[in-house]
Amino acid sequence: MCRNIRPLHNFEPEATSQEVHDAALQYVRKVSGMNKPSQANLEVFERAVAEIAHTTEHLLAELVTAAPPKDREEEREKARARNAKRFPQSTAQTAAS
């Protein structure tokens, strides 16, 4: 899975339309292999992003869970800790900057 696509389900507050759009955009970029489509492909690229975002919003609205909602900041901190463990030099360089 693309590392830039983040889980969006079961957060408080719920995922915004912008977050869903950003995830759809990353997905389409990954699948198509294009970061920025040519003029010839722009319409189909944007349509794919819109359709995937729409479907994702329906998915998130219909998913159910008994787990308590996750806290976004807490999840960010967990991700930072995982990254610091995985990439100790890059986090040390970032902290020094």
PDB file of N, CA and C in Angstrom:
ATOM      1  N   MET A   1       0.852  -1.180   0.000  1.00  0.00           N
ATOM      2  CA  MET A   1       0.000   0.000   0.000  1.00  0.00           C
ATOM      3  C   MET A   1       0.893   1.236   0.000  1.00  0.00           C
ATOM      4  N   CYS A   2       0.427   2.277  -0.612  1.00  0.00           N
ATOM      5  CA  CYS A   2       1.159   3.532  -0.677  1.00  0.00           C
ATOM      6  C   CYS A   2       1.318   4.104   0.735  1.00  0.00           C
ATOM      7  N   ARG A   3       2.535   4.466   1.103  1.00  0.00           N
ATOM      8  CA  ARG A   3       2.777   4.975   2.451  1.00  0.00           C
ATOM      9  C   ARG A   3       2.086   6.304   2.721  1.00  0.00           C
ATOM     10  N   ASN A   4       1.748   7.058   1.678  1.00  0.00           N
ATOM     11  CA  ASN A   4       1.115   8.356   1.872  1.00  0.00           C
ATOM     12  C   ASN A   4      -0.386   8.264   2.107  1.00  0.00           C
ATOM     13  N   ILE A   5      -0.968   7.108   1.909  1.00  0.00           N
ATOM     14  CA  ILE A   5      -2.391   6.934   2.172  1.00  0.00           C
ATOM     15  C   ILE A   5      -2.538   6.476   3.613  1.00  0.00           C
ATOM     16  N   ARG A   6      -3.255   7.252   4.395  1.00  0.00           N
ATOM     17  CA  ARG A   6      -3.416   6.981   5.817  1.00  0.00           C
ATOM     18  C   ARG A   6      -4.788   6.373   6.088  1.00  0.00           C
ATOM     19  N   PRO A   7      -4.896   5.529   7.114  1.00  0.00           N
ATOM     20  CA  PRO A   7      -6.222   5.032   7.505  1.00  0.00           C
ATOM     21  C   PRO A   7      -7.128   6.212   7.860  1.00  0.00           C
ATOM     22  N   LEU A   8      -8.388   6.128   7.470  1.00  0.00           N
ATOM     23  CA  LEU A   8      -9.332   7.218   7.713  1.00  0.00           C
ATOM     24  C   LEU A   8     -10.518   6.778   8.562  1.00  0.00           C
ATOM     25  N   HIS A   9     -10.635   5.492   8.812  1.00  0.00           N
ATOM     26  CA  HIS A   9     -11.790   4.974   9.543  1.00  0.00           C
ATOM     27  C   HIS A   9     -11.585   5.049  11.046  1.00  0.00           C
ATOM     28  N   ASN A  10     -12.668   5.356  11.748  1.00  0.00           N
ATOM     29  CA  ASN A  10     -12.751   5.319  13.210  1.00  0.00           C
ATOM     30  C   ASN A  10     -11.866   6.361  13.889  1.00  0.00           C
ATOM     31  N   PHE A  11     -11.925   7.582  13.384  1.00  0.00           N
ATOM     32  CA  PHE A  11     -11.231   8.694  14.031  1.00  0.00           C
ATOM     33  C   PHE A  11     -12.251   9.698  14.540  1.00  0.00           C
ATOM     34  N   GLU A  12     -11.892  10.378  15.573  1.00  0.00           N
ATOM     35  CA  GLU A  12     -12.712  11.463  16.108  1.00  0.00           C
ATOM     36  C   GLU A  12     -11.876  12.729  16.078  1.00  0.00           C
ATOM     37  N   PRO A  13     -12.253  13.757  15.352  1.00  0.00           N
ATOM     38  CA  PRO A  13     -13.418  13.840  14.470  1.00  0.00           C
ATOM     39  C   PRO A  13     -13.222  12.998  13.212  1.00  0.00           C
ATOM     40  N   GLU A  14     -14.328  12.757  12.522  1.00  0.00           N
ATOM     41  CA  GLU A  14     -14.304  11.930  11.316  1.00  0.00           C
ATOM     42  C   GLU A  14     -13.410  12.545  10.240  1.00  0.00           C
ATOM     43  N   ALA A  15     -13.015  11.706   9.300  1.00  0.00           N
ATOM     44  CA  ALA A  15     -12.193  12.170   8.178  1.00  0.00           C
ATOM     45  C   ALA A  15     -12.937  13.251   7.400  1.00  0.00           C
ATOM     46  N   THR A  16     -12.201  14.259   6.994  1.00  0.00           N
ATOM     47  CA  THR A  16     -12.799  15.339   6.206  1.00  0.00           C
ATOM     48  C   THR A  16     -12.844  14.948   4.737  1.00  0.00           C
ATOM     49  N   SER A  17     -13.630  15.680   3.976  1.00  0.00           N
ATOM     50  CA  SER A  17     -13.683  15.442   2.529  1.00  0.00           C
ATOM     51  C   SER A  17     -12.316  15.660   1.902  1.00  0.00           C
ATOM     52  N   GLN A  18     -11.555  16.605   2.429  1.00  0.00           N
ATOM     53  CA  GLN A  18     -10.216  16.876   1.899  1.00  0.00           C
ATOM     54  C   GLN A  18      -9.287  15.688   2.141  1.00  0.00           C
ATOM     55  N   GLU A  19      -9.364  15.086   3.322  1.00  0.00           N
ATOM     56  CA  GLU A  19      -8.546  13.906   3.609  1.00  0.00           C
ATOM     57  C   GLU A  19      -8.909  12.749   2.688  1.00  0.00           C
ATOM     58  N   VAL A  20     -10.199  12.564   2.437  1.00  0.00           N
ATOM     59  CA  VAL A  20     -10.654  11.498   1.542  1.00  0.00           C
ATOM     60  C   VAL A  20     -10.165  11.784   0.124  1.00  0.00           C
ATOM     61  N   HIS A  21     -10.279  13.033  -0.312  1.00  0.00           N
ATOM     62  CA  HIS A  21      -9.810  13.420  -1.651  1.00  0.00           C
ATOM     63  C   HIS A  21      -8.310  13.184  -1.777  1.00  0.00           C
ATOM     64  N   ASP A  22      -7.542  13.583  -0.767  1.00  0.00           N
ATOM     65  CA  ASP A  22      -6.088  13.405  -0.803  1.00  0.00           C
ATOM     66  C   ASP A  22      -5.708  11.921  -0.901  1.00  0.00           C
ATOM     67  N   ALA A  23      -6.427  11.069  -0.172  1.00  0.00           N
ATOM     68  CA  ALA A  23      -6.156   9.625  -0.235  1.00  0.00           C
ATOM     69  C   ALA A  23      -6.495   9.085  -1.624  1.00  0.00           C
ATOM     70  N   ALA A  24      -7.608   9.541  -2.189  1.00  0.00           N
ATOM     71  CA  ALA A  24      -8.001   9.106  -3.537  1.00  0.00           C
ATOM     72  C   ALA A  24      -6.973   9.566  -4.562  1.00  0.00           C
ATOM     73  N   LEU A  25      -6.488  10.780  -4.420  1.00  0.00           N
ATOM     74  CA  LEU A  25      -5.475  11.319  -5.330  1.00  0.00           C
ATOM     75  C   LEU A  25      -4.197  10.485  -5.257  1.00  0.00           C
ATOM     76  N   GLN A  26      -3.747  10.156  -4.063  1.00  0.00           N
ATOM     77  CA  GLN A  26      -2.551   9.342  -3.904  1.00  0.00           C
ATOM     78  C   GLN A  26      -2.741   7.960  -4.534  1.00  0.00           C
ATOM     79  N   TYR A  27      -3.924   7.397  -4.346  1.00  0.00           N
ATOM     80  CA  TYR A  27      -4.217   6.086  -4.929  1.00  0.00           C
ATOM     81  C   TYR A  27      -4.146   6.142  -6.461  1.00  0.00           C
ATOM     82  N   VAL A  28      -4.805   7.136  -7.049  1.00  0.00           N
ATOM     83  CA  VAL A  28      -4.815   7.253  -8.515  1.00  0.00           C
ATOM     84  C   VAL A  28      -3.409   7.513  -9.035  1.00  0.00           C
ATOM     85  N   ARG A  29      -2.645   8.344  -8.347  1.00  0.00           N
ATOM     86  CA  ARG A  29      -1.248   8.584  -8.752  1.00  0.00           C
ATOM     87  C   ARG A  29      -0.454   7.290  -8.747  1.00  0.00           C
ATOM     88  N   LYS A  30      -0.618   6.501  -7.697  1.00  0.00           N
ATOM     89  CA  LYS A  30       0.132   5.249  -7.564  1.00  0.00           C
ATOM     90  C   LYS A  30      -0.253   4.259  -8.653  1.00  0.00           C
ATOM     91  N   VAL A  31      -1.554   4.073  -8.844  1.00  0.00           N
ATOM     92  CA  VAL A  31      -2.032   3.084  -9.803  1.00  0.00           C
ATOM     93  C   VAL A  31      -1.697   3.490 -11.239  1.00  0.00           C
ATOM     94  N   SER A  32      -1.832   4.788 -11.536  1.00  0.00           N
ATOM     95  CA  SER A  32      -1.589   5.256 -12.905  1.00  0.00           C
ATOM     96  C   SER A  32      -0.107   5.451 -13.200  1.00  0.00           C
ATOM     97  N   GLY A  33       0.691   5.621 -12.154  1.00  0.00           N
ATOM     98  CA  GLY A  33       2.110   5.893 -12.351  1.00  0.00           C
ATOM     99  C   GLY A  33       2.374   7.327 -12.755  1.00  0.00           C
ATOM    100  N   MET A  34       1.377   8.180 -12.597  1.00  0.00           N
ATOM    101  CA  MET A  34       1.514   9.595 -12.975  1.00  0.00           C
ATOM    102  C   MET A  34       1.319  10.491 -11.760  1.00  0.00           C
ATOM    103  N   ASN A  35       2.282  11.369 -11.528  1.00  0.00           N
ATOM    104  CA  ASN A  35       2.121  12.348 -10.473  1.00  0.00           C
ATOM    105  C   ASN A  35       1.259  13.502 -10.970  1.00  0.00           C
ATOM    106  N   LYS A  36       1.517  13.899 -12.199  1.00  0.00           N
ATOM    107  CA  LYS A  36       0.742  14.968 -12.827  1.00  0.00           C
ATOM    108  C   LYS A  36       0.408  14.506 -14.247  1.00  0.00           C
ATOM    109  N   PRO A  37      -0.871  14.259 -14.523  1.00  0.00           N
ATOM    110  CA  PRO A  37      -1.232  13.728 -15.841  1.00  0.00           C
ATOM    111  C   PRO A  37      -1.087  14.782 -16.941  1.00  0.00           C
ATOM    112  N   SER A  38      -0.908  14.295 -18.158  1.00  0.00           N
ATOM    113  CA  SER A  38      -0.864  15.190 -19.310  1.00  0.00           C
ATOM    114  C   SER A  38      -2.261  15.741 -19.556  1.00  0.00           C
ATOM    115  N   GLN A  39      -2.349  16.762 -20.383  1.00  0.00           N
ATOM    116  CA  GLN A  39      -3.646  17.346 -20.740  1.00  0.00           C
ATOM    117  C   GLN A  39      -4.565  16.280 -21.316  1.00  0.00           C
ATOM    118  N   ALA A  40      -4.006  15.358 -22.097  1.00  0.00           N
ATOM    119  CA  ALA A  40      -4.804  14.304 -22.720  1.00  0.00           C
ATOM    120  C   ALA A  40      -5.437  13.379 -21.677  1.00  0.00           C
ATOM    121  N   ASN A  41      -4.801  13.225 -20.519  1.00  0.00           N
ATOM    122  CA  ASN A  41      -5.285  12.311 -19.479  1.00  0.00           C
ATOM    123  C   ASN A  41      -5.903  13.015 -18.283  1.00  0.00           C
ATOM    124  N   LEU A  42      -5.901  14.339 -18.280  1.00  0.00           N
ATOM    125  CA  LEU A  42      -6.346  15.100 -17.115  1.00  0.00           C
ATOM    126  C   LEU A  42      -7.791  14.799 -16.726  1.00  0.00           C
ATOM    127  N   GLU A  43      -8.686  14.780 -17.703  1.00  0.00           N
ATOM    128  CA  GLU A  43     -10.105  14.564 -17.402  1.00  0.00           C
ATOM    129  C   GLU A  43     -10.359  13.191 -16.789  1.00  0.00           C
ATOM    130  N   VAL A  44      -9.800  12.153 -17.374  1.00  0.00           N
ATOM    131  CA  VAL A  44     -10.015  10.802 -16.853  1.00  0.00           C
ATOM    132  C   VAL A  44      -9.343  10.645 -15.484  1.00  0.00           C
ATOM    133  N   PHE A  45      -8.199  11.269 -15.287  1.00  0.00           N
ATOM    134  CA  PHE A  45      -7.480  11.238 -14.013  1.00  0.00           C
ATOM    135  C   PHE A  45      -8.338  11.885 -12.922  1.00  0.00           C
ATOM    136  N   GLU A  46      -8.838  13.075 -13.184  1.00  0.00           N
ATOM    137  CA  GLU A  46      -9.657  13.798 -12.196  1.00  0.00           C
ATOM    138  C   GLU A  46     -10.970  13.075 -11.927  1.00  0.00           C
ATOM    139  N   ARG A  47     -11.551  12.474 -12.969  1.00  0.00           N
ATOM    140  CA  ARG A  47     -12.789  11.713 -12.784  1.00  0.00           C
ATOM    141  C   ARG A  47     -12.533  10.505 -11.882  1.00  0.00           C
ATOM    142  N   ALA A  48     -11.419   9.834 -12.085  1.00  0.00           N
ATOM    143  CA  ALA A  48     -11.073   8.682 -11.242  1.00  0.00           C
ATOM    144  C   ALA A  48     -10.911   9.109  -9.785  1.00  0.00           C
ATOM    145  N   VAL A  49     -10.233  10.229  -9.559  1.00  0.00           N
ATOM    146  CA  VAL A  49     -10.064  10.731  -8.182  1.00  0.00           C
ATOM    147  C   VAL A  49     -11.425  11.007  -7.558  1.00  0.00           C
ATOM    148  N   ALA A  50     -12.310  11.674  -8.290  1.00  0.00           N
ATOM    149  CA  ALA A  50     -13.635  12.011  -7.767  1.00  0.00           C
ATOM    150  C   ALA A  50     -14.453  10.759  -7.457  1.00  0.00           C
ATOM    151  N   GLU A  51     -14.417   9.772  -8.354  1.00  0.00           N
ATOM    152  CA  GLU A  51     -15.185   8.544  -8.142  1.00  0.00           C
ATOM    153  C   GLU A  51     -14.656   7.754  -6.950  1.00  0.00           C
ATOM    154  N   ILE A  52     -13.354   7.673  -6.820  1.00  0.00           N
ATOM    155  CA  ILE A  52     -12.760   6.935  -5.695  1.00  0.00           C
ATOM    156  C   ILE A  52     -13.044   7.659  -4.382  1.00  0.00           C
ATOM    157  N   ALA A  53     -12.960   8.978  -4.385  1.00  0.00           N
ATOM    158  CA  ALA A  53     -13.271   9.750  -3.176  1.00  0.00           C
ATOM    159  C   ALA A  53     -14.733   9.534  -2.778  1.00  0.00           C
ATOM    160  N   HIS A  54     -15.616   9.560  -3.748  1.00  0.00           N
ATOM    161  CA  HIS A  54     -17.050   9.358  -3.492  1.00  0.00           C
ATOM    162  C   HIS A  54     -17.302   7.970  -2.889  1.00  0.00           C
ATOM    163  N   THR A  55     -16.716   6.972  -3.492  1.00  0.00           N
ATOM    164  CA  THR A  55     -16.877   5.599  -3.000  1.00  0.00           C
ATOM    165  C   THR A  55     -16.269   5.447  -1.603  1.00  0.00           C
ATOM    166  N   THR A  56     -15.139   6.085  -1.372  1.00  0.00           N
ATOM    167  CA  THR A  56     -14.484   6.020  -0.063  1.00  0.00           C
ATOM    168  C   THR A  56     -15.354   6.658   1.011  1.00  0.00           C
ATOM    169  N   GLU A  57     -15.979   7.794   0.695  1.00  0.00           N
ATOM    170  CA  GLU A  57     -16.865   8.438   1.678  1.00  0.00           C
ATOM    171  C   GLU A  57     -18.035   7.525   2.037  1.00  0.00           C
ATOM    172  N   HIS A  58     -18.597   6.829   1.039  1.00  0.00           N
ATOM    173  CA  HIS A  58     -19.677   5.875   1.319  1.00  0.00           C
ATOM    174  C   HIS A  58     -19.163   4.726   2.185  1.00  0.00           C
ATOM    175  N   LEU A  59     -17.999   4.214   1.866  1.00  0.00           N
ATOM    176  CA  LEU A  59     -17.409   3.134   2.652  1.00  0.00           C
ATOM    177  C   LEU A  59     -17.239   3.559   4.109  1.00  0.00           C
ATOM    178  N   LEU A  60     -16.633   4.707   4.330  1.00  0.00           N
ATOM    179  CA  LEU A  60     -16.391   5.177   5.697  1.00  0.00           C
ATOM    180  C   LEU A  60     -17.692   5.406   6.457  1.00  0.00           C
ATOM    181  N   ALA A  61     -18.720   5.875   5.761  1.00  0.00           N
ATOM    182  CA  ALA A  61     -20.012   6.132   6.408  1.00  0.00           C
ATOM    183  C   ALA A  61     -20.707   4.845   6.828  1.00  0.00           C
ATOM    184  N   GLU A  62     -20.460   3.757   6.097  1.00  0.00           N
ATOM    185  CA  GLU A  62     -21.174   2.514   6.356  1.00  0.00           C
ATOM    186  C   GLU A  62     -20.408   1.511   7.215  1.00  0.00           C
ATOM    187  N   LEU A  63     -19.111   1.713   7.413  1.00  0.00           N
ATOM    188  CA  LEU A  63     -18.347   0.797   8.257  1.00  0.00           C
ATOM    189  C   LEU A  63     -18.803   0.923   9.711  1.00  0.00           C
ATOM    190  N   VAL A  64     -18.831  -0.186  10.420  1.00  0.00           N
ATOM    191  CA  VAL A  64     -19.193  -0.178  11.836  1.00  0.00           C
ATOM    192  C   VAL A  64     -18.067  -0.831  12.637  1.00  0.00           C
ATOM    193  N   THR A  65     -17.937  -0.378  13.867  1.00  0.00           N
ATOM    194  CA  THR A  65     -16.927  -0.949  14.756  1.00  0.00           C
ATOM    195  C   THR A  65     -17.361  -0.755  16.197  1.00  0.00           C
ATOM    196  N   ALA A  66     -16.927  -1.659  17.050  1.00  0.00           N
ATOM    197  CA  ALA A  66     -17.191  -1.535  18.482  1.00  0.00           C
ATOM    198  C   ALA A  66     -16.012  -0.868  19.184  1.00  0.00           C
ATOM    199  N   ALA A  67     -14.917  -0.670  18.457  1.00  0.00           N
ATOM    200  CA  ALA A  67     -13.719  -0.059  19.045  1.00  0.00           C
ATOM    201  C   ALA A  67     -13.950   1.434  19.273  1.00  0.00           C
ATOM    202  N   PRO A  68     -13.367   1.975  20.327  1.00  0.00           N
ATOM    203  CA  PRO A  68     -13.498   3.414  20.547  1.00  0.00           C
ATOM    204  C   PRO A  68     -12.743   4.179  19.459  1.00  0.00           C
ATOM    205  N   PRO A  69     -13.198   5.391  19.128  1.00  0.00           N
ATOM    206  CA  PRO A  69     -12.518   6.193  18.093  1.00  0.00           C
ATOM    207  C   PRO A  69     -11.070   6.469  18.479  1.00  0.00           C
ATOM    208  N   LYS A  70     -10.218   6.503  17.451  1.00  0.00           N
ATOM    209  CA  LYS A  70      -8.796   6.795  17.666  1.00  0.00           C
ATOM    210  C   LYS A  70      -8.584   8.302  17.673  1.00  0.00           C
ATOM    211  N   ASP A  71      -7.550   8.717  18.391  1.00  0.00           N
ATOM    212  CA  ASP A  71      -7.162  10.123  18.457  1.00  0.00           C
ATOM    213  C   ASP A  71      -6.090  10.384  17.407  1.00  0.00           C
ATOM    214  N   ARG A  72      -6.295  11.388  16.578  1.00  0.00           N
ATOM    215  CA  ARG A  72      -5.363  11.666  15.480  1.00  0.00           C
ATOM    216  C   ARG A  72      -3.951  11.997  15.972  1.00  0.00           C
ATOM    217  N   GLU A  73      -3.854  12.819  16.982  1.00  0.00           N
ATOM    218  CA  GLU A  73      -2.532  13.204  17.481  1.00  0.00           C
ATOM    219  C   GLU A  73      -1.804  12.011  18.088  1.00  0.00           C
ATOM    220  N   GLU A  74      -2.526  11.195  18.794  1.00  0.00           N
ATOM    221  CA  GLU A  74      -1.938   9.985  19.379  1.00  0.00           C
ATOM    222  C   GLU A  74      -1.418   9.053  18.279  1.00  0.00           C
ATOM    223  N   GLU A  75      -2.182   8.900  17.206  1.00  0.00           N
ATOM    224  CA  GLU A  75      -1.758   8.064  16.075  1.00  0.00           C
ATOM    225  C   GLU A  75      -0.540   8.665  15.375  1.00  0.00           C
ATOM    226  N   ARG A  76      -0.485  10.005  15.266  1.00  0.00           N
ATOM    227  CA  ARG A  76       0.688  10.668  14.680  1.00  0.00           C
ATOM    228  C   ARG A  76       1.936  10.390  15.503  1.00  0.00           C
ATOM    229  N   GLU A  77       1.798  10.468  16.816  1.00  0.00           N
ATOM    230  CA  GLU A  77       2.934  10.203  17.710  1.00  0.00           C
ATOM    231  C   GLU A  77       3.414   8.758  17.577  1.00  0.00           C
ATOM    232  N   LYS A  78       2.480   7.825  17.467  1.00  0.00           N
ATOM    233  CA  LYS A  78       2.855   6.420  17.276  1.00  0.00           C
ATOM    234  C   LYS A  78       3.624   6.259  15.961  1.00  0.00           C
ATOM    235  N   ALA A  79       3.155   6.929  14.912  1.00  0.00           N
ATOM    236  CA  ALA A  79       3.827   6.849  13.607  1.00  0.00           C
ATOM    237  C   ALA A  79       5.222   7.455  13.688  1.00  0.00           C
ATOM    238  N   ARG A  80       5.361   8.586  14.385  1.00  0.00           N
ATOM    239  CA  ARG A  80       6.685   9.199  14.548  1.00  0.00           C
ATOM    240  C   ARG A  80       7.634   8.261  15.282  1.00  0.00           C
ATOM    241  N   ALA A  81       7.121   7.607  16.312  1.00  0.00           N
ATOM    242  CA  ALA A  81       7.952   6.665  17.078  1.00  0.00           C
ATOM    243  C   ALA A  81       8.381   5.487  16.197  1.00  0.00           C
ATOM    244  N   ARG A  82       7.450   4.972  15.389  1.00  0.00           N
ATOM    245  CA  ARG A  82       7.806   3.867  14.476  1.00  0.00           C
ATOM    246  C   ARG A  82       8.862   4.323  13.475  1.00  0.00           C
ATOM    247  N   ASN A  83       8.691   5.536  12.934  1.00  0.00           N
ATOM    248  CA  ASN A  83       9.653   6.057  11.960  1.00  0.00           C
ATOM    249  C   ASN A  83      11.018   6.302  12.590  1.00  0.00           C
ATOM    250  N   ALA A  84      11.042   6.792  13.824  1.00  0.00           N
ATOM    251  CA  ALA A  84      12.308   7.026  14.508  1.00  0.00           C
ATOM    252  C   ALA A  84      13.057   5.712  14.714  1.00  0.00           C
ATOM    253  N   LYS A  85      12.316   4.650  14.993  1.00  0.00           N
ATOM    254  CA  LYS A  85      12.929   3.343  15.183  1.00  0.00           C
ATOM    255  C   LYS A  85      13.421   2.771  13.848  1.00  0.00           C
ATOM    256  N   ARG A  86      12.620   2.975  12.790  1.00  0.00           N
ATOM    257  CA  ARG A  86      12.963   2.445  11.468  1.00  0.00           C
ATOM    258  C   ARG A  86      14.081   3.223  10.804  1.00  0.00           C
ATOM    259  N   PHE A  87      14.060   4.540  10.954  1.00  0.00           N
ATOM    260  CA  PHE A  87      15.009   5.418  10.258  1.00  0.00           C
ATOM    261  C   PHE A  87      15.698   6.344  11.258  1.00  0.00           C
ATOM    262  N   PRO A  88      16.549   5.824  12.123  1.00  0.00           N
ATOM    263  CA  PRO A  88      17.144   6.648  13.186  1.00  0.00           C
ATOM    264  C   PRO A  88      17.966   7.826  12.669  1.00  0.00           C
ATOM    265  N   GLN A  89      18.661   7.669  11.559  1.00  0.00           N
ATOM    266  CA  GLN A  89      19.491   8.773  11.054  1.00  0.00           C
ATOM    267  C   GLN A  89      18.636   9.898  10.512  1.00  0.00           C
ATOM    268  N   SER A  90      17.602   9.601   9.771  1.00  0.00           N
ATOM    269  CA  SER A  90      16.794  10.661   9.170  1.00  0.00           C
ATOM    270  C   SER A  90      16.061  11.459  10.222  1.00  0.00           C
ATOM    271  N   THR A  91      15.603  10.830  11.324  1.00  0.00           N
ATOM    272  CA  THR A  91      14.918  11.578  12.365  1.00  0.00           C
ATOM    273  C   THR A  91      15.909  12.413  13.167  1.00  0.00           C
ATOM    274  N   ALA A  92      17.128  11.938  13.317  1.00  0.00           N
ATOM    275  CA  ALA A  92      18.155  12.714  14.018  1.00  0.00           C
ATOM    276  C   ALA A  92      18.521  13.949  13.192  1.00  0.00           C
ATOM    277  N   GLN A  93      18.608  13.789  11.883  1.00  0.00           N
ATOM    278  CA  GLN A  93      18.901  14.925  11.011  1.00  0.00           C
ATOM    279  C   GLN A  93      17.772  15.936  11.032  1.00  0.00           C
ATOM    280  N   THR A  94      16.512  15.461  11.055  1.00  0.00           N
ATOM    281  CA  THR A  94      15.364  16.356  11.082  1.00  0.00           C
ATOM    282  C   THR A  94      15.331  17.123  12.395  1.00  0.00           C
ATOM    283  N   ALA A  95      15.629  16.454  13.498  1.00  0.00           N
ATOM    284  CA  ALA A  95      15.620  17.108  14.803  1.00  0.00           C
ATOM    285  C   ALA A  95      16.707  18.157  14.899  1.00  0.00           C
ATOM    286  N   ALA A  96      17.837  17.921  14.232  1.00  0.00           N
ATOM    287  CA  ALA A  96      18.956  18.864  14.283  1.00  0.00           C
ATOM    288  C   ALA A  96      18.702  20.094  13.415  1.00  0.00           C
ATOM    289  N   SER A  97      17.801  19.986  12.452  1.00  0.00           N
ATOM    290  CA  SER A  97      17.527  21.101  11.531  1.00  0.00           C
ATOM    291  C   SER A  97      16.792  22.231  12.172  1.00  0.00           C
TER     292      SER A  97
END
